[in-house]
Amino acid sequence: MDSKRVKWSTPACLVLLTLLMGCVSKAELEQRQSQLFQTGVEQKQATAETEGSIEVKTTNGIVAIAPTVVGYSTEQIDDPLESINRPIFAFNHVFYTWVLNPLAKGYTTIMPDPAEVAVSQFFSNLREPLNSINHLLQADASKSGTSLGRFFINSTIGILGLFDPATEWFDIEVQKTTLNDTLTSWDVSPGAFIVIPILGQSDLRNGLSTFTETTFAPVTFVSEQPQTLYIQTYDGFHEFSPRVKSYETLYKESDDPYVFFRNMYMQSVLRNKEYLEQPQQPESESGEEQQSKLND
């Protein structure tokens, strides 16, 4: 990559990208929206029972979320930059309220479902090489090969990734992972909590991941500026759009939105770490085989 293109893409993308890379199908987008705003919160599958709680419709049903800080003690949060983070958080809210959210609502209203799914799958396929590299850096050659296989199948039979025959025909599921996951697997600390302009809640480790993957994204090797910037911005906007309603609801119902969103983000960091540390069941064992062992 020539130095001129790096000079263009790096700072511009950090300011204009509206979310991290990587899109999935519409069902997965809704699931991701649910996970983002439920992290560390007790889920209930019926009408909210807690006084003052709010109800958010997700793919798992109606979830009751209390607009308070839960599940993460103050002592665990490294937020030395709060005096800087809060003004950026306030700026982001104004930008979301008057610019991004109205655009996102209009976009999701006029965008046909099949087209939305196709766009999501296109961008999901576009980042498969990054998935493969990160799996390799995590010493998982099997998943690295799976990601490469998905990329070649969906880029050819799937018409540049607009369709997902790798999943539908060959049962090769997406194995998304990021540099942030790689650094986590190397026991790199997340560092201080930060708020990035437009991108929102993050930490130093995840911010480095966003910066690096934006700069060296596959699209930067097949397009020139400013087309690269347009593509990456649209990618982030497309991923952000389904989350607007949940963001607005939680912001309005939170006593201190900054603290609420900060703690919810930090809960997700802990959960991701715990998930990576869990022992994985051997793929060769089916559910019936595992149940048989328990019965024995």
Protein backbone atom coordinates (compact mmCIF):
# COMPACT_ATOMS: atom_id res chain seq x y z
CA MET A 1 0.00 0.00 0.00
CA ASP A 2 1.47 3.36 -0.92
CA SER A 3 1.97 5.99 1.76
CA LYS A 4 -0.43 8.45 0.16
CA ARG A 5 -3.36 6.11 0.57
CA VAL A 6 -2.52 5.42 4.22
CA LYS A 7 -2.33 9.13 4.88
CA TRP A 8 -5.81 9.58 3.48
CA SER A 9 -7.52 6.59 5.02
CA THR A 10 -6.25 6.47 8.60
CA PRO A 11 -7.42 9.78 10.15
CA ALA A 12 -10.44 10.16 7.93
CA CYS A 13 -11.86 6.75 8.71
CA LEU A 14 -11.42 7.20 12.45
CA VAL A 15 -13.61 10.29 12.33
CA LEU A 16 -16.17 9.25 9.75
CA LEU A 17 -16.70 5.53 10.28
CA THR A 18 -19.85 5.12 12.31
CA LEU A 19 -19.20 1.70 13.68
CA LEU A 20 -16.74 -1.15 13.62
CA MET A 21 -16.44 -3.20 10.50
CA GLY A 22 -18.25 -6.42 9.83
CA CYS A 23 -21.89 -6.94 8.92
CA VAL A 24 -24.01 -10.04 9.01
CA SER A 25 -27.48 -11.12 7.99
CA LYS A 26 -30.51 -9.19 9.16
CA ALA A 27 -31.34 -11.74 11.85
CA GLU A 28 -27.78 -11.55 13.13
CA LEU A 29 -27.91 -7.75 13.08
CA GLU A 30 -30.96 -7.85 15.34
CA GLN A 31 -29.23 -10.34 17.60
CA ARG A 32 -26.12 -8.14 17.79
CA GLN A 33 -28.34 -5.17 18.67
CA SER A 34 -29.89 -7.24 21.46
CA GLN A 35 -26.51 -8.32 22.80
CA LEU A 36 -25.05 -4.80 22.76
CA PHE A 37 -27.80 -3.31 24.92
CA GLN A 38 -28.36 -6.32 27.21
CA THR A 39 -24.74 -6.98 28.24
CA GLY A 40 -24.46 -7.63 31.95
CA VAL A 41 -28.21 -7.08 32.45
CA GLU A 42 -30.70 -9.65 33.79
CA GLN A 43 -33.01 -10.80 30.97
CA LYS A 44 -36.69 -11.54 31.49
CA GLN A 45 -39.02 -13.06 28.91
CA ALA A 46 -42.22 -11.30 29.93
CA THR A 47 -43.56 -7.91 30.91
CA ALA A 48 -41.15 -5.83 32.95
CA GLU A 49 -41.61 -6.45 36.64
CA THR A 50 -39.10 -3.97 37.99
CA GLU A 51 -40.51 -0.53 38.70
CA GLY A 52 -38.98 2.06 36.42
CA SER A 53 -37.61 -0.50 34.00
CA ILE A 54 -37.97 -0.26 30.24
CA GLU A 55 -38.88 -2.89 27.69
CA VAL A 56 -36.77 -3.52 24.60
CA LYS A 57 -38.01 -5.87 21.90
CA THR A 58 -35.28 -8.26 20.78
CA THR A 59 -35.03 -11.54 18.93
CA ASN A 60 -35.28 -13.21 22.35
CA GLY A 61 -38.59 -11.56 23.16
CA ILE A 62 -39.39 -8.56 25.37
CA VAL A 63 -36.42 -7.85 27.63
CA ALA A 64 -36.71 -5.78 30.79
CA ILE A 65 -33.75 -3.46 31.32
CA ALA A 66 -33.48 -1.32 34.41
CA PRO A 67 -31.98 2.10 33.56
CA THR A 68 -29.38 1.86 36.31
CA VAL A 69 -25.75 0.84 36.46
CA VAL A 70 -25.55 -2.88 37.20
CA GLY A 71 -23.11 -5.74 37.40
CA TYR A 72 -19.84 -3.81 37.38
CA SER A 73 -18.28 -2.24 40.44
CA THR A 74 -16.82 1.25 40.18
CA GLU A 75 -13.45 -0.01 41.32
CA GLN A 76 -13.18 -2.24 38.25
CA ILE A 77 -13.57 0.61 35.76
CA ASP A 78 -10.46 2.38 34.52
CA ASP A 79 -11.76 5.76 33.41
CA PRO A 80 -9.00 8.33 33.97
CA LEU A 81 -10.11 10.21 30.84
CA GLU A 82 -13.65 10.90 32.04
CA SER A 83 -13.17 14.67 31.82
CA ILE A 84 -12.40 14.21 28.10
CA ASN A 85 -14.79 11.34 27.46
CA ARG A 86 -17.88 13.14 28.70
CA PRO A 87 -17.67 16.07 26.24
CA ILE A 88 -17.07 13.62 23.37
CA PHE A 89 -20.03 11.52 24.57
CA ALA A 90 -22.18 14.66 24.62
CA PHE A 91 -21.01 15.61 21.10
CA ASN A 92 -21.78 12.11 19.85
CA HIS A 93 -25.30 12.29 21.29
CA VAL A 94 -25.99 15.58 19.53
CA PHE A 95 -24.63 14.16 16.28
CA TYR A 96 -26.69 10.98 16.66
CA THR A 97 -29.86 12.90 17.55
CA TRP A 98 -29.79 15.46 14.75
CA VAL A 99 -27.89 13.69 11.98
CA LEU A 100 -27.22 9.99 12.26
CA ASN A 101 -30.43 8.74 13.88
CA PRO A 102 -32.85 10.45 11.47
CA LEU A 103 -30.81 9.19 8.51
CA ALA A 104 -30.71 5.67 9.96
CA LYS A 105 -34.47 5.61 10.56
CA GLY A 106 -35.16 6.71 7.00
CA TYR A 107 -32.66 4.18 5.68
CA THR A 108 -34.18 1.21 7.51
CA THR A 109 -37.67 2.31 6.45
CA ILE A 110 -36.99 2.47 2.71
CA MET A 111 -34.42 -0.34 2.51
CA PRO A 112 -36.07 -3.59 1.33
CA ASP A 113 -35.28 -6.54 3.57
CA PRO A 114 -33.63 -8.62 0.81
CA ALA A 115 -31.39 -5.69 -0.11
CA GLU A 116 -30.48 -5.10 3.54
CA VAL A 117 -29.50 -8.75 3.95
CA ALA A 118 -27.47 -8.71 0.72
CA VAL A 119 -25.55 -5.59 1.79
CA SER A 120 -24.85 -7.11 5.21
CA GLN A 121 -23.57 -10.30 3.62
CA PHE A 122 -21.41 -8.37 1.17
CA PHE A 123 -19.58 -6.52 3.94
CA SER A 124 -19.41 -9.65 6.09
CA ASN A 125 -17.72 -11.48 3.25
CA LEU A 126 -15.38 -8.56 2.60
CA ARG A 127 -13.84 -8.90 6.05
CA GLU A 128 -13.33 -12.68 5.89
CA PRO A 129 -9.58 -12.26 5.10
CA LEU A 130 -9.25 -10.27 8.34
CA ASN A 131 -11.07 -13.06 10.19
CA SER A 132 -8.64 -15.56 8.72
CA ILE A 133 -5.56 -13.56 9.71
CA ASN A 134 -6.80 -13.02 13.26
CA HIS A 135 -7.65 -16.70 13.71
CA LEU A 136 -4.15 -17.54 12.55
CA LEU A 137 -2.68 -15.07 15.05
CA GLN A 138 -4.78 -16.81 17.70
CA ALA A 139 -3.15 -20.14 16.72
CA ASP A 140 -6.39 -21.52 15.30
CA ALA A 141 -5.49 -22.76 11.83
CA SER A 142 -8.79 -24.59 11.43
CA LYS A 143 -10.93 -21.47 11.81
CA SER A 144 -8.46 -19.51 9.69
CA GLY A 145 -8.99 -21.98 6.87
CA THR A 146 -12.75 -21.86 7.40
CA SER A 147 -12.78 -18.08 6.95
CA LEU A 148 -10.70 -18.33 3.77
CA GLY A 149 -12.97 -21.06 2.45
CA ARG A 150 -16.04 -18.91 3.09
CA PHE A 151 -14.41 -16.00 1.31
CA PHE A 152 -13.65 -17.97 -1.84
CA ILE A 153 -17.06 -19.66 -1.94
CA ASN A 154 -19.11 -16.52 -1.32
CA SER A 155 -16.94 -14.34 -3.57
CA THR A 156 -17.53 -16.69 -6.51
CA ILE A 157 -20.73 -18.71 -6.17
CA GLY A 158 -22.20 -16.06 -3.87
CA ILE A 159 -21.58 -13.24 -6.40
CA LEU A 160 -19.09 -11.10 -4.47
CA GLY A 161 -20.67 -12.04 -1.18
CA LEU A 162 -24.19 -10.80 -1.89
CA PHE A 163 -25.35 -14.32 -1.09
CA ASP A 164 -24.07 -16.81 1.49
CA PRO A 165 -23.88 -20.29 -0.11
CA ALA A 166 -21.05 -21.18 2.29
CA THR A 167 -23.62 -21.29 5.08
CA GLU A 168 -26.73 -22.28 3.16
CA TRP A 169 -25.22 -25.04 1.00
CA PHE A 170 -22.05 -26.18 2.79
CA ASP A 171 -22.90 -25.46 6.45
CA ILE A 172 -19.72 -23.41 6.88
CA GLU A 173 -20.69 -20.87 9.51
CA VAL A 174 -19.08 -17.44 9.79
CA GLN A 175 -16.31 -17.25 12.40
CA LYS A 176 -15.93 -13.52 12.88
CA THR A 177 -13.03 -12.32 14.99
CA THR A 178 -11.11 -9.07 15.26
CA LEU A 179 -7.69 -7.83 16.27
CA ASN A 180 -9.30 -6.94 19.59
CA ASP A 181 -10.08 -10.64 20.11
CA THR A 182 -6.53 -11.53 19.12
CA LEU A 183 -5.05 -9.10 21.64
CA THR A 184 -7.45 -10.43 24.26
CA SER A 185 -6.23 -13.97 23.60
CA TRP A 186 -2.68 -12.68 24.19
CA ASP A 187 -3.80 -11.33 27.60
CA VAL A 188 -3.38 -7.71 26.53
CA SER A 189 -5.29 -5.50 28.94
CA PRO A 190 -8.14 -3.38 27.51
CA GLY A 191 -6.65 -0.31 29.10
CA ALA A 192 -8.60 2.82 29.89
CA PHE A 193 -12.18 3.37 28.77
CA ILE A 194 -12.41 5.91 25.93
CA VAL A 195 -15.13 7.51 23.84
CA ILE A 196 -14.24 7.94 20.18
CA PRO A 197 -15.90 10.73 18.17
CA ILE A 198 -18.89 9.26 16.30
CA LEU A 199 -17.78 5.67 16.92
CA GLY A 200 -18.75 5.80 20.59
CA GLN A 201 -17.73 3.65 23.56
CA SER A 202 -14.42 1.81 23.33
CA ASP A 203 -11.17 1.15 25.16
CA LEU A 204 -7.52 1.55 24.19
CA ARG A 205 -7.18 -2.04 23.00
CA ASN A 206 -10.36 -1.99 20.96
CA GLY A 207 -9.51 1.47 19.64
CA LEU A 208 -6.21 0.13 18.34
CA SER A 209 -8.10 -2.76 16.74
CA THR A 210 -10.50 -0.37 14.99
CA PHE A 211 -7.65 1.86 13.80
CA THR A 212 -5.61 -1.05 12.44
CA GLU A 213 -8.43 -2.96 10.77
CA THR A 214 -9.79 0.22 9.19
CA THR A 215 -6.37 1.07 7.77
CA PHE A 216 -5.62 -2.40 6.43
CA ALA A 217 -9.13 -3.50 5.51
CA PRO A 218 -9.34 -5.54 2.28
CA VAL A 219 -11.33 -2.76 0.62
CA THR A 220 -8.28 -0.48 0.81
CA PHE A 221 -6.43 -2.82 -1.56
CA VAL A 222 -9.13 -2.87 -4.24
CA SER A 223 -10.27 0.76 -4.27
CA GLU A 224 -8.81 4.26 -4.25
CA GLN A 225 -9.66 7.31 -2.17
CA PRO A 226 -12.21 8.77 -1.81
CA GLN A 227 -14.15 5.65 -2.88
CA THR A 228 -12.56 3.65 -0.05
CA LEU A 229 -13.78 6.17 2.51
CA TYR A 230 -17.31 6.13 1.05
CA ILE A 231 -17.47 2.34 1.19
CA GLN A 232 -16.21 2.11 4.76
CA THR A 233 -18.52 4.89 5.93
CA TYR A 234 -21.52 3.20 4.35
CA ASP A 235 -20.49 -0.10 5.94
CA GLY A 236 -20.50 1.47 9.41
CA PHE A 237 -23.75 3.35 8.80
CA HIS A 238 -25.48 0.19 7.57
CA GLU A 239 -24.44 -1.69 10.70
CA PHE A 240 -25.45 1.13 13.02
CA SER A 241 -28.94 1.68 11.62
CA PRO A 242 -30.81 -1.19 13.38
CA ARG A 243 -29.56 0.00 16.78
CA VAL A 244 -31.08 3.48 16.75
CA LYS A 245 -34.31 2.75 18.64
CA SER A 246 -32.57 0.87 21.45
CA TYR A 247 -30.00 3.63 21.83
CA GLU A 248 -32.68 6.32 22.07
CA THR A 249 -34.73 4.34 24.58
CA LEU A 250 -31.83 3.56 26.87
CA TYR A 251 -30.45 7.11 26.71
CA LYS A 252 -33.78 8.67 27.70
CA GLU A 253 -34.37 6.26 30.58
CA SER A 254 -30.87 6.43 32.07
CA ASP A 255 -30.19 8.66 35.07
CA ASP A 256 -26.64 9.22 33.86
CA PRO A 257 -26.35 8.07 30.22
CA TYR A 258 -22.57 8.37 30.19
CA VAL A 259 -22.14 6.07 33.19
CA PHE A 260 -24.83 3.68 31.96
CA PHE A 261 -23.32 3.20 28.50
CA ARG A 262 -19.79 3.10 29.90
CA ASN A 263 -20.64 0.34 32.38
CA MET A 264 -22.62 -1.60 29.81
CA TYR A 265 -19.66 -1.49 27.45
CA MET A 266 -17.24 -2.61 30.16
CA GLN A 267 -19.58 -5.48 31.02
CA SER A 268 -19.34 -6.62 27.42
CA VAL A 269 -15.54 -6.56 27.69
CA LEU A 270 -15.67 -8.85 30.71
CA ARG A 271 -18.16 -11.19 29.09
CA ASN A 272 -16.09 -11.50 25.94
CA LYS A 273 -13.03 -12.33 28.02
CA GLU A 274 -14.94 -14.94 30.02
CA TYR A 275 -16.28 -16.48 26.81
CA LEU A 276 -12.79 -16.79 25.32
CA GLU A 277 -11.55 -18.41 28.51
CA GLN A 278 -14.27 -21.06 28.54
CA PRO A 279 -13.15 -24.57 27.48
CA GLN A 280 -14.60 -25.41 24.09
CA GLN A 281 -16.50 -28.66 23.56
CA PRO A 282 -14.90 -30.94 20.95
CA GLU A 283 -16.69 -30.37 17.64
CA SER A 284 -16.66 -34.09 16.93
CA GLU A 285 -19.04 -34.79 19.81
CA SER A 286 -22.70 -34.34 19.06
CA GLY A 287 -25.28 -33.29 21.63
CA GLU A 288 -26.49 -36.87 21.93
CA GLU A 289 -22.97 -38.13 22.62
CA GLN A 290 -22.45 -35.50 25.32
CA GLN A 291 -25.78 -36.39 26.94
CA SER A 292 -24.85 -40.07 26.84
CA LYS A 293 -21.63 -39.32 28.74
CA LEU A 294 -23.60 -37.41 31.37
CA ASN A 295 -26.03 -40.30 31.78
CA ASP A 296 -23.13 -42.73 32.21
